[in-house]
Protein backbone atom coordinates (compact mmCIF):
# COMPACT_ATOMS: atom_id res chain seq x y z
CA MET A 1 0.00 0.00 0.00
CA GLN A 2 1.37 3.38 -1.02
CA HIS A 3 2.11 6.09 1.53
CA PRO A 4 -0.59 8.85 1.61
CA ARG A 5 2.04 11.45 0.80
CA THR A 6 3.08 9.49 -2.29
CA VAL A 7 -0.54 9.34 -3.44
CA ALA A 8 -0.90 13.08 -2.90
CA MET A 9 2.34 13.72 -4.76
CA THR A 10 1.15 11.67 -7.73
CA GLY A 11 -2.08 13.66 -7.87
CA LEU A 12 -0.28 16.99 -7.58
CA LEU A 13 2.17 16.10 -10.33
CA ALA A 14 -0.66 15.06 -12.64
CA ALA A 15 -2.62 18.24 -11.86
CA GLY A 16 0.54 20.33 -12.30
CA CYS A 17 1.23 18.87 -15.74
CA VAL A 18 -2.36 19.52 -16.86
CA LEU A 19 -2.29 23.06 -15.48
CA GLY A 20 1.11 23.69 -17.06
CA VAL A 21 -0.11 22.74 -20.51
CA THR A 22 -3.28 24.78 -19.97
CA ALA A 23 -1.32 27.83 -18.76
CA LEU A 24 1.04 27.63 -21.74
CA THR A 25 -1.90 27.48 -24.13
CA LEU A 26 -3.69 30.42 -22.47
CA LYS A 27 -0.62 32.68 -22.39
CA ALA A 28 0.23 31.89 -25.98
CA ALA A 29 -3.36 32.64 -27.06
CA ASP A 30 -3.58 35.83 -25.00
CA GLY A 31 -1.04 37.62 -27.17
CA GLY A 32 0.01 40.02 -24.43
CA HIS A 33 3.12 38.13 -23.45
CA SER A 34 6.43 37.78 -25.18
CA ALA A 35 7.74 34.40 -26.16
CA LEU A 36 10.56 34.79 -23.58
CA ASP A 37 8.10 35.56 -20.80
CA THR A 38 5.88 32.62 -21.73
CA ALA A 39 8.85 30.24 -22.00
CA LEU A 40 10.36 31.37 -18.67
CA SER A 41 7.12 31.11 -16.69
CA THR A 42 6.28 27.69 -18.11
CA THR A 43 9.81 26.41 -17.62
CA THR A 44 9.83 27.67 -14.03
CA GLY A 45 6.64 25.83 -13.18
CA PHE A 46 7.78 22.55 -14.68
CA LEU A 47 11.17 22.87 -12.97
CA PHE A 48 9.38 23.17 -9.64
CA LEU A 49 7.44 20.01 -10.48
CA LEU A 50 10.65 18.19 -11.40
CA ALA A 51 12.54 19.34 -8.29
CA GLY A 52 9.64 18.31 -6.06
CA ALA A 53 9.43 14.87 -7.66
CA VAL A 54 13.17 14.30 -7.19
CA ALA A 55 12.98 15.49 -3.57
CA HIS A 56 10.11 13.11 -2.85
CA VAL A 57 11.92 10.15 -4.41
CA ARG A 58 15.06 10.82 -2.40
CA ARG A 59 13.27 11.39 0.88
CA PRO A 60 9.60 10.28 0.83
CA ALA A 61 9.11 10.99 4.54
CA ASN A 62 10.06 14.64 4.15
CA PRO A 63 7.13 16.90 3.05
CA ILE A 64 9.47 19.34 1.31
CA GLY A 65 8.90 17.61 -2.03
CA VAL A 66 5.16 18.28 -1.78
CA LEU A 67 5.82 21.97 -1.06
CA ILE A 68 8.10 22.29 -4.08
CA VAL A 69 5.46 20.74 -6.34
CA LEU A 70 2.78 23.00 -4.81
CA ALA A 71 4.89 26.02 -5.79
CA GLY A 72 4.85 24.86 -9.42
CA VAL A 73 1.09 24.20 -9.30
CA ALA A 74 0.53 27.67 -7.79
CA LEU A 75 2.51 29.28 -10.62
CA PHE A 76 0.32 27.62 -13.23
CA LEU A 77 -2.84 28.57 -11.31
CA GLU A 78 -1.83 32.23 -11.63
CA ASP A 79 -1.87 32.00 -15.42
CA LEU A 80 -5.51 30.82 -15.48
CA GLN A 81 -6.51 34.51 -15.25
CA PHE A 82 -5.77 34.78 -18.97
CA THR A 83 -8.67 32.49 -19.83
CA PRO A 84 -11.66 33.89 -21.77
CA ASP A 85 -14.02 31.62 -19.80
CA PRO A 86 -15.82 33.68 -17.06
CA VAL A 87 -16.13 30.80 -14.61
CA LEU A 88 -12.45 29.88 -14.86
CA TYR A 89 -11.50 33.55 -14.71
CA THR A 90 -13.57 34.11 -11.57
CA ILE A 91 -11.77 31.16 -9.91
CA ALA A 92 -8.36 32.39 -11.05
CA VAL A 93 -8.54 36.02 -9.89
CA PRO A 94 -8.12 35.31 -6.14
CA LEU A 95 -5.17 33.07 -7.07
CA ARG A 96 -3.35 35.60 -9.22
CA ALA A 97 -0.44 35.68 -6.72
CA ALA A 98 -0.88 32.18 -5.29
CA SER A 99 2.78 31.26 -5.72
CA SER A 100 4.03 34.00 -3.35
CA PRO A 101 2.86 32.50 -0.02
CA VAL A 102 3.62 28.96 -1.19
CA ILE A 103 7.19 29.92 -2.12
CA ALA A 104 7.61 31.79 1.18
CA HIS A 105 6.40 28.65 2.95
CA LEU A 106 8.77 26.51 0.89
CA VAL A 107 11.80 28.69 1.51
CA LEU A 108 11.26 28.83 5.27
CA ALA A 109 10.53 25.11 5.53
CA PHE A 110 13.52 24.04 3.42
CA PRO A 111 15.15 21.61 3.97
CA HIS A 112 13.30 20.18 6.99
CA GLY A 113 9.80 20.30 5.47
CA ARG A 114 8.34 22.05 8.51
CA LEU A 115 8.35 25.50 10.12
CA ARG A 116 10.44 25.43 13.26
CA SER A 117 9.86 28.78 14.97
CA ARG A 118 6.84 30.88 15.89
CA TRP A 119 8.10 33.78 13.76
CA GLU A 120 8.32 31.55 10.70
CA ARG A 121 4.76 30.35 11.22
CA LEU A 122 3.51 33.91 11.69
CA LEU A 123 5.32 35.06 8.55
CA VAL A 124 3.87 32.28 6.42
CA ALA A 125 0.36 32.76 7.84
CA ALA A 126 0.56 36.49 7.07
CA ALA A 127 1.63 35.73 3.51
CA TYR A 128 -1.37 33.46 2.90
CA LEU A 129 -3.82 35.90 4.50
CA VAL A 130 -2.55 38.95 2.66
CA VAL A 131 -2.34 37.31 -0.75
CA LEU A 132 -5.70 35.53 -0.55
CA GLY A 133 -7.35 38.58 1.11
CA SER A 134 -6.16 40.97 -1.55
CA GLY A 135 -7.18 38.42 -4.20
CA VAL A 136 -10.74 38.39 -2.85
CA LEU A 137 -10.81 42.19 -2.80
CA GLY A 138 -9.61 42.26 -6.39
CA LEU A 139 -12.36 39.79 -7.29
CA LEU A 140 -15.11 41.93 -5.68
CA PHE A 141 -13.90 45.27 -7.07
CA ASN A 142 -13.16 44.41 -10.67
CA SER A 143 -14.20 46.04 -13.92
CA ASP A 144 -13.45 43.00 -16.09
CA PRO A 145 -16.70 41.62 -17.58
CA ARG A 146 -15.47 38.04 -17.07
CA ASP A 147 -15.67 38.52 -13.29
CA LEU A 148 -18.95 36.90 -12.23
CA LEU A 149 -18.65 38.02 -8.58
CA ALA A 150 -17.74 41.69 -9.06
CA VAL A 151 -19.72 43.94 -6.71
CA THR A 152 -18.62 47.17 -8.35
CA ALA A 153 -16.44 48.14 -11.25
CA GLY A 154 -14.31 50.42 -9.05
CA SER A 155 -10.94 50.53 -10.65
CA ALA A 156 -9.60 52.72 -7.81
CA ARG A 157 -10.36 50.06 -5.24
CA GLY A 158 -8.86 47.41 -7.48
CA ALA A 159 -5.71 49.50 -7.85
CA PHE A 160 -5.60 49.98 -4.08
CA ALA A 161 -5.82 46.20 -3.63
CA ASP A 162 -2.94 45.81 -6.07
CA ARG A 163 -0.79 48.30 -4.12
CA VAL A 164 -1.58 46.57 -0.83
CA LEU A 165 -0.60 43.26 -2.38
CA ALA A 166 2.67 44.70 -3.72
CA LEU A 167 3.64 46.29 -0.40
CA ALA A 168 2.74 43.18 1.59
CA ALA A 169 4.64 40.95 -0.81
CA THR A 170 7.70 43.22 -0.46
CA ALA A 171 7.54 43.16 3.34
CA ILE A 172 7.04 39.43 3.45
CA SER A 173 9.89 38.87 0.99
CA ALA A 174 12.19 41.01 3.14
CA GLY A 175 11.19 39.00 6.20
CA VAL A 176 11.87 35.73 4.42
CA VAL A 177 15.32 36.95 3.31
CA VAL A 178 16.16 38.05 6.87
CA VAL A 179 15.15 34.66 8.30
CA LEU A 180 17.18 32.86 5.64
CA LEU A 181 20.29 34.92 6.33
CA TYR A 182 19.96 34.37 10.08
CA ARG A 183 19.54 30.64 9.55
CA TRP A 184 22.56 30.52 7.27
CA LEU A 185 24.78 32.50 9.66
CA SER A 186 23.75 30.48 12.72
CA GLY A 187 23.61 27.06 11.02
CA ARG A 188 26.25 24.37 10.83
CA LEU A 189 28.25 23.60 7.72
CA PRO A 190 25.93 20.91 6.26
CA GLN A 191 22.95 23.27 6.56
CA ARG A 192 24.87 26.14 4.98
CA ARG A 193 25.75 23.96 2.02
CA LEU A 194 22.05 23.30 1.39
CA LEU A 195 20.85 26.87 1.92
CA SER A 196 23.57 28.68 -0.04
CA PRO A 197 22.08 28.23 -3.56
CA VAL A 198 18.57 29.15 -2.36
CA ILE A 199 19.77 32.26 -0.52
CA LEU A 200 21.96 33.38 -3.42
CA ILE A 201 19.11 33.22 -5.91
CA ALA A 202 16.75 34.91 -3.42
CA LEU A 203 19.15 37.80 -2.79
CA LEU A 204 19.91 38.36 -6.47
CA GLY A 205 16.20 38.18 -7.33
CA ALA A 206 15.28 40.64 -4.57
CA LEU A 207 18.04 42.99 -5.68
CA THR A 208 17.03 43.04 -9.35
CA SER A 209 13.34 43.41 -8.47
CA ALA A 210 14.03 46.29 -6.06
CA VAL A 211 16.27 48.07 -8.57
CA GLY A 212 13.73 47.66 -11.38
CA THR A 213 10.89 48.98 -9.18
CA ALA A 214 12.99 51.95 -8.03
CA LEU A 215 13.93 52.91 -11.60
CA GLY A 216 10.30 52.98 -12.79
CA ASP A 217 8.68 51.70 -15.97
CA ALA A 218 10.04 54.56 -18.10
CA HIS A 219 13.68 53.90 -17.34
CA PRO A 220 15.57 51.98 -20.06
CA LEU A 221 17.06 49.56 -17.49
CA SER A 222 13.69 48.69 -16.00
CA ASP A 223 12.84 46.07 -18.60
CA PRO A 224 16.27 44.34 -18.46
CA MET A 225 15.98 44.22 -14.67
CA LEU A 226 12.55 42.64 -15.00
CA GLN A 227 13.88 40.05 -17.42
CA ALA A 228 16.84 39.33 -15.11
CA TYR A 229 14.41 38.84 -12.25
CA ARG A 230 12.37 36.39 -14.34
CA ILE A 231 15.50 34.45 -15.29
CA LEU A 232 16.63 34.29 -11.67
CA PHE A 233 13.16 33.16 -10.62
CA CYS A 234 13.36 30.45 -13.26
CA LEU A 235 16.65 29.31 -11.71
CA TRP A 236 15.17 29.14 -8.21
CA PRO A 237 13.71 25.61 -8.54
CA LEU A 238 17.14 24.56 -9.77
CA ALA A 239 18.60 25.93 -6.54
CA PHE A 240 16.21 23.71 -4.58
CA LEU A 241 17.10 20.80 -6.85
CA VAL A 242 20.82 21.39 -6.24
CA GLY A 243 20.12 21.36 -2.51
CA VAL A 244 18.20 18.10 -2.89
CA LEU A 245 21.01 16.48 -4.86
CA ARG A 246 23.71 17.67 -2.46
CA ALA A 247 21.74 16.73 0.64
CA ARG A 248 23.48 13.67 1.97
CA VAL A 249 25.62 12.77 4.93
CA GLY A 250 29.31 13.23 4.19
CA ASN A 251 31.91 10.60 4.92
CA ALA A 252 33.55 12.76 7.56
CA GLU A 253 30.24 13.15 9.38
CA MET A 254 29.61 9.40 9.22
CA ILE A 255 33.08 8.61 10.57
CA ARG A 256 32.69 11.14 13.39
CA LEU A 257 29.36 9.62 14.37
CA LEU A 258 30.63 6.07 14.19
CA LEU A 259 33.49 7.02 16.49
CA GLU A 260 30.98 8.01 19.17
CA ARG A 261 30.70 5.13 21.60
CA ASP A 262 27.16 5.77 22.82
CA GLY A 263 25.58 6.28 19.38
CA THR A 264 23.62 9.36 20.49
CA GLY A 265 24.95 11.40 17.57
CA LEU A 266 23.63 8.83 15.10
CA ALA A 267 20.25 8.81 16.79
CA ALA A 268 20.06 12.61 16.72
CA LEU A 269 21.04 12.74 13.06
CA VAL A 270 18.49 10.11 12.04
CA GLN A 271 15.71 11.99 13.83
CA ASP A 272 16.83 15.51 12.93
CA ASP A 273 16.90 16.94 9.42
CA GLU A 274 19.70 19.37 10.23
CA VAL A 275 21.54 17.48 7.51
CA TRP A 276 18.83 16.79 4.94
CA LYS A 277 19.45 13.16 4.10
CA ASP A 278 18.47 11.24 1.01
CA SER A 279 17.11 7.70 1.17
CA ARG A 280 20.55 6.15 0.60
CA SER A 281 21.99 8.12 3.48
CA ILE A 282 19.08 7.02 5.66
CA ASP A 283 19.83 3.38 4.82
CA ALA A 284 23.52 3.89 5.56
CA LEU A 285 22.74 5.65 8.82
CA SER A 286 20.29 2.96 9.85
CA ALA A 287 22.88 0.27 9.17
CA ALA A 288 25.55 2.25 11.01
CA ALA A 289 23.22 2.87 13.95
CA GLY A 290 22.45 -0.84 14.05
CA LEU A 291 26.15 -1.66 14.12
CA VAL A 292 26.78 0.84 16.88
CA LEU A 293 23.89 -0.48 18.97
CA ASP A 294 24.99 -4.09 18.40
CA ASN A 295 28.52 -3.11 19.35
CA GLN A 296 27.23 -1.43 22.52
CA ARG A 297 25.20 -4.50 23.43
CA LEU A 298 28.11 -6.86 22.81
CA ALA A 299 30.49 -4.57 24.69
CA ALA A 300 28.10 -4.46 27.65
CA GLU A 301 27.75 -8.24 27.62
CA LEU A 302 31.52 -8.66 27.35
CA GLU A 303 32.09 -6.23 30.21
CA GLN A 304 29.58 -8.13 32.31
CA ARG A 305 31.27 -11.43 31.50
CA LEU A 306 34.68 -9.95 32.31
CA ALA A 307 33.37 -8.66 35.62
CA GLU A 308 32.00 -12.12 36.40
CA VAL A 309 35.34 -13.72 35.46
CA ARG A 310 37.26 -11.24 37.65
CA ALA A 311 34.89 -11.86 40.54
CA SER A 312 35.20 -15.62 40.04
CA ARG A 313 39.01 -15.48 39.95
CA ALA A 314 39.02 -13.28 43.06
CA ARG A 315 36.81 -15.81 44.82
CA LEU A 316 39.20 -18.59 43.78
CA VAL A 317 42.14 -16.64 45.21
CA ALA A 318 40.23 -16.00 48.42
CA ALA A 319 39.26 -19.67 48.63
CA GLY A 320 42.89 -20.68 48.05
CA ASP A 321 44.05 -18.36 50.83
CA GLU A 322 41.43 -19.72 53.16
CA GLU A 323 42.55 -23.24 52.33
CA ARG A 324 46.16 -22.24 53.01
CA ARG A 325 45.14 -20.89 56.44
CA ARG A 326 43.24 -24.09 57.20
CA ILE A 327 46.22 -26.25 56.25
CA GLU A 328 48.48 -23.99 58.33
CA ARG A 329 46.21 -24.40 61.36
CA ASP A 330 45.98 -28.15 60.82
CA LEU A 331 49.77 -28.49 60.60
CA HIS A 332 50.32 -26.34 63.66
CA ASP A 333 47.58 -27.84 65.80
CA GLY A 334 47.82 -31.40 64.44
CA ALA A 335 50.99 -32.96 63.02
CA GLN A 336 53.38 -30.41 64.49
CA GLN A 337 52.01 -30.77 68.03
CA ARG A 338 52.08 -34.56 67.77
CA LEU A 339 55.72 -34.52 66.70
CA VAL A 340 56.59 -32.19 69.57
CA SER A 341 54.82 -34.57 71.93
CA VAL A 342 56.83 -37.53 70.58
CA VAL A 343 60.06 -35.61 71.09
CA LEU A 344 59.12 -34.82 74.68
CA LEU A 345 58.24 -38.48 75.35
CA LEU A 346 61.53 -39.69 73.90
CA ARG A 347 63.50 -37.21 76.01
CA MET A 348 61.60 -38.30 79.13
CA ALA A 349 62.39 -41.92 78.29
CA ASP A 350 66.06 -41.05 77.82
CA ARG A 351 66.27 -39.29 81.17
CA ARG A 352 64.47 -42.07 83.07
CA PHE A 353 65.88 -45.20 81.42
CA GLY A 354 69.02 -43.91 79.74
CA THR A 355 71.42 -45.40 82.23
CA GLU A 356 69.83 -48.80 81.92
CA LEU A 357 69.85 -48.92 78.09
CA PRO A 358 72.69 -50.26 75.98
CA PRO A 359 74.84 -47.58 74.33
CA GLU A 360 73.61 -48.57 70.87
CA VAL A 361 69.98 -48.02 71.92
CA ARG A 362 70.76 -44.64 73.52
CA ALA A 363 72.56 -43.51 70.32
CA LEU A 364 69.60 -44.61 68.24
CA LEU A 365 67.24 -42.75 70.59
CA THR A 366 69.31 -39.57 70.30
CA ARG A 367 69.34 -39.77 66.49
CA THR A 368 65.57 -40.28 66.49
CA VAL A 369 65.06 -37.13 68.57
CA GLU A 370 67.32 -35.13 66.23
CA GLU A 371 65.45 -36.34 63.16
CA LEU A 372 62.18 -35.44 64.79
CA GLN A 373 63.52 -31.96 65.59
CA THR A 374 64.55 -31.57 61.97
CA ALA A 375 61.08 -32.69 60.82
CA ILE A 376 59.45 -30.17 63.17
CA THR A 377 61.68 -27.41 61.83
CA GLU A 378 60.85 -28.29 58.22
CA LEU A 379 57.18 -28.51 59.09
CA ARG A 380 57.29 -25.03 60.63
CA GLU A 381 59.02 -23.69 57.52
CA LEU A 382 56.37 -25.35 55.39
CA ALA A 383 53.57 -23.80 57.43
CA ARG A 384 55.32 -20.43 57.29
CA GLY A 385 55.56 -20.73 53.50
CA ILE A 386 51.88 -21.51 53.14
CA ARG A 387 50.92 -18.31 54.92
CA PRO A 388 53.11 -16.90 57.66
CA ALA A 389 51.25 -15.94 60.81
CA ILE A 390 53.01 -12.58 60.93
CA LEU A 391 51.36 -11.66 57.61
CA THR A 392 47.92 -12.06 59.16
CA GLU A 393 48.86 -10.45 62.46
CA ALA A 394 51.17 -7.56 61.50
CA GLY A 395 50.65 -7.04 57.77
CA LEU A 396 52.67 -7.09 54.56
CA VAL A 397 55.61 -4.91 55.55
CA ALA A 398 56.33 -6.84 58.74
CA ALA A 399 56.07 -10.16 56.89
CA VAL A 400 58.50 -9.02 54.17
CA ARG A 401 60.95 -7.72 56.82
CA SER A 402 60.80 -11.12 58.52
CA LEU A 403 61.38 -12.84 55.17
CA ALA A 404 64.37 -10.59 54.41
CA ASP A 405 65.90 -11.35 57.82
CA ARG A 406 65.59 -15.11 57.34
CA ILE A 407 66.87 -15.41 53.78
CA PRO A 408 70.66 -15.95 53.54
CA MET A 409 71.46 -12.95 51.32
CA GLU A 410 71.62 -9.19 51.66
CA VAL A 411 68.20 -7.67 51.02
CA ALA A 412 67.73 -3.87 50.87
CA LEU A 413 64.16 -2.96 51.75
CA SER A 414 62.53 0.33 50.70
CA VAL A 415 59.05 0.82 52.08
CA GLY A 416 56.72 3.79 51.69
CA THR A 417 53.59 4.44 53.70
CA VAL A 418 51.74 1.16 53.34
CA PRO A 419 48.55 0.72 55.40
CA ARG A 420 46.91 -2.60 56.18
CA LEU A 421 45.34 -3.91 53.00
CA ASP A 422 42.89 -6.59 51.99
CA GLY A 423 44.13 -10.05 52.94
CA ALA A 424 44.22 -11.33 49.34
CA VAL A 425 46.24 -8.31 48.20
CA GLU A 426 48.76 -8.65 51.04
CA ALA A 427 49.12 -12.39 50.52
CA THR A 428 49.68 -12.02 46.77
CA ALA A 429 52.27 -9.28 47.27
CA TYR A 430 54.06 -11.39 49.88
CA PHE A 431 54.21 -14.48 47.68
CA VAL A 432 55.52 -12.42 44.75
CA THR A 433 58.31 -11.10 46.98
CA SER A 434 59.06 -14.54 48.42
CA GLU A 435 59.20 -16.23 45.00
CA ALA A 436 61.37 -13.49 43.49
CA LEU A 437 63.87 -13.60 46.38
CA THR A 438 63.94 -17.42 46.35
CA ASN A 439 64.66 -17.42 42.60
CA ALA A 440 67.40 -14.83 43.08
CA LEU A 441 68.95 -16.94 45.84
CA LYS A 442 68.84 -20.17 43.81
CA HIS A 443 69.58 -19.03 40.26
CA ALA A 444 70.81 -15.44 40.03
CA GLN A 445 74.31 -16.10 41.44
CA THR A 446 74.20 -12.91 43.49
CA ASP A 447 74.15 -12.09 47.16
CA HIS A 448 72.24 -8.81 46.91
CA ALA A 449 68.64 -7.93 46.13
CA HIS A 450 66.43 -4.87 46.54
CA VAL A 451 62.73 -4.86 47.49
CA ARG A 452 60.57 -1.77 47.09
CA ILE A 453 56.97 -1.62 48.37
CA ALA A 454 54.79 1.47 47.83
CA VAL A 455 51.19 2.56 47.36
CA GLU A 456 50.77 4.77 44.28
CA ASP A 457 47.56 6.04 42.67
CA GLY A 458 45.32 3.56 44.45
CA ARG A 459 47.55 0.58 43.59
CA LEU A 460 50.11 -1.46 45.50
CA ARG A 461 53.44 -1.73 43.67
CA VAL A 462 55.97 -4.36 44.70
CA THR A 463 59.33 -4.44 42.90
CA VAL A 464 62.12 -6.98 43.49
CA THR A 465 65.42 -6.47 41.62
CA ASP A 466 68.76 -8.24 41.68
CA THR A 467 72.06 -7.85 39.85
CA GLY A 468 72.53 -11.49 38.96
CA VAL A 469 72.94 -13.33 35.68
CA GLY A 470 69.28 -13.11 34.70
CA GLY A 471 67.42 -15.79 32.85
CA ALA A 472 64.14 -15.65 34.72
CA ASP A 473 61.17 -16.68 32.57
CA THR A 474 57.50 -16.81 33.52
CA GLU A 475 56.92 -19.52 30.92
CA ALA A 476 59.75 -21.81 31.99
CA GLY A 477 58.63 -22.54 35.55
CA SER A 478 55.39 -22.82 37.41
CA GLY A 479 56.31 -20.37 40.21
CA LEU A 480 56.20 -17.02 38.42
CA ALA A 481 53.54 -18.24 35.99
CA GLY A 482 51.25 -19.16 38.88
CA LEU A 483 51.94 -15.81 40.55
CA ARG A 484 51.06 -13.99 37.33
CA ASP A 485 47.69 -15.76 37.25
CA ARG A 486 47.16 -14.88 40.90
CA VAL A 487 48.02 -11.20 40.33
CA GLN A 488 45.81 -11.00 37.25
CA ALA A 489 42.95 -12.61 39.17
CA LEU A 490 43.00 -9.50 41.38
CA GLY A 491 42.96 -7.19 38.35
CA GLY A 492 46.69 -6.48 38.52
CA GLU A 493 49.72 -7.05 36.32
CA LEU A 494 52.99 -8.92 36.88
CA ASP A 495 55.94 -7.87 34.74
CA VAL A 496 59.25 -9.78 34.66
CA THR A 497 62.31 -8.28 32.97
CA SER A 498 65.44 -10.41 32.99
CA GLY A 499 68.80 -10.13 31.26
CA PRO A 500 72.56 -10.30 31.81
CA GLY A 501 72.36 -7.24 34.09
CA GLY A 502 69.88 -8.81 36.48
CA THR A 503 66.19 -9.51 36.96
CA LYS A 504 63.33 -7.18 37.85
CA VAL A 505 59.98 -8.53 39.03
CA CYS A 506 57.23 -5.90 39.37
CA ALA A 507 53.65 -6.54 40.55
CA VAL A 508 50.96 -3.84 40.47
CA ILE A 509 47.71 -4.70 42.29
CA PRO A 510 44.63 -2.50 42.78
CA LEU A 511 44.06 -1.86 46.50
CA GLY A 512 40.42 -2.94 46.49
CA ALA A 513 40.95 -5.96 44.25
CA GLY A 514 40.37 -8.59 46.93
CA LYS A 515 37.05 -7.15 48.11
CA PRO A 516 33.80 -8.72 46.84
């Protein structure tokens, strides 16, 4: 089913063609018009019809095409006053200047197809009232015998109506030109590109008409000015047609809009006719808007999934730390205490029965106690490596100081103002430091390392450097690789730089990373 505006446009174009042929026939038969005048007026009307048809094809939803065609129809209606038929003449007299308000309406509505301000609506309404009102007065006070509704043959009143019409048309034309200039000066570049041809023709036409009127009919330049005005008026529909053909979204504008992440610029441009788009541009914009919206939806889903993954990894780290603490408690309260109890029992047995036992048995008993002491020491070291108690009780800095004191190498410690942090953040930073120092002790062939701990821009930064032989690789062993996963689970980054001049391990962890 066709759009109502398309049906109306088809009817207007058909009526315009019939009226155009009729007007051409009447003006040619009248004999009071030159061939140039007849050709220019007919050509102007048909150009308006053509421009309106093209505008409607390129943008069916915009009513500007209907207004352009109406201007052509109004021009042909004016020429019906040259008919010898009284009925047709009586209908044509009130419409003798019908194109003036329609063209004023067209100019002010171009390119949006609607009047946007109260002043524009008032100006167009005044144009219709003045032109139609003066046309009715001219119909009532007319001495032409073809006028079937003439009340009196007062030529003075008819001349007065003509003067009122001329003055009103001049005032309205000046108002239209002022509005156009203001719109051009205050508009953006795409709007200026569309309005420039229309404004140029309007200004040149107003200038030639004003000069011709000021010179008077007797002046030799009056007739050339009139002809120049008619030629310019004939070019006016071409100015609208140029605007229609140039009205599309440029590549730069499309790229700028596509670069906008939220797509609001695309939405505004689709809804607003600030840039008067053709149907191809509308299709391109619709496709681009769809891509932007799909991209936004996918980005939102991806961000949600990433947030869920980060939260899941943080929960895994927290669960791992909790499991470490449980194992530490079990070792301390279970196996370690039992071994200590066995040592105490063996020592009691040695003190009570040692003198009665053979020397071989006493030596074996002593070796058993020593081995048990060694096992207890290793068990304590194992529990301390899982999660040292000092880390939970005194915090990261105290735990690292204790680690530096125990490790058999010189460790320089630089510590800024570091408050107590989330348990997962402190544990991760501690294990990074412990693993880096252990690697330096085992592989770097150096007896010096430097540890720096600081809080910067809402992040904890832990850096461990040594001057050894290098060769550290996060891919070669499971220690640093596992720590990198742990750091990344908290939203941080672990960077390892290693070469002949030494190794640098740097972990950066957001302060609130371990919180749910």
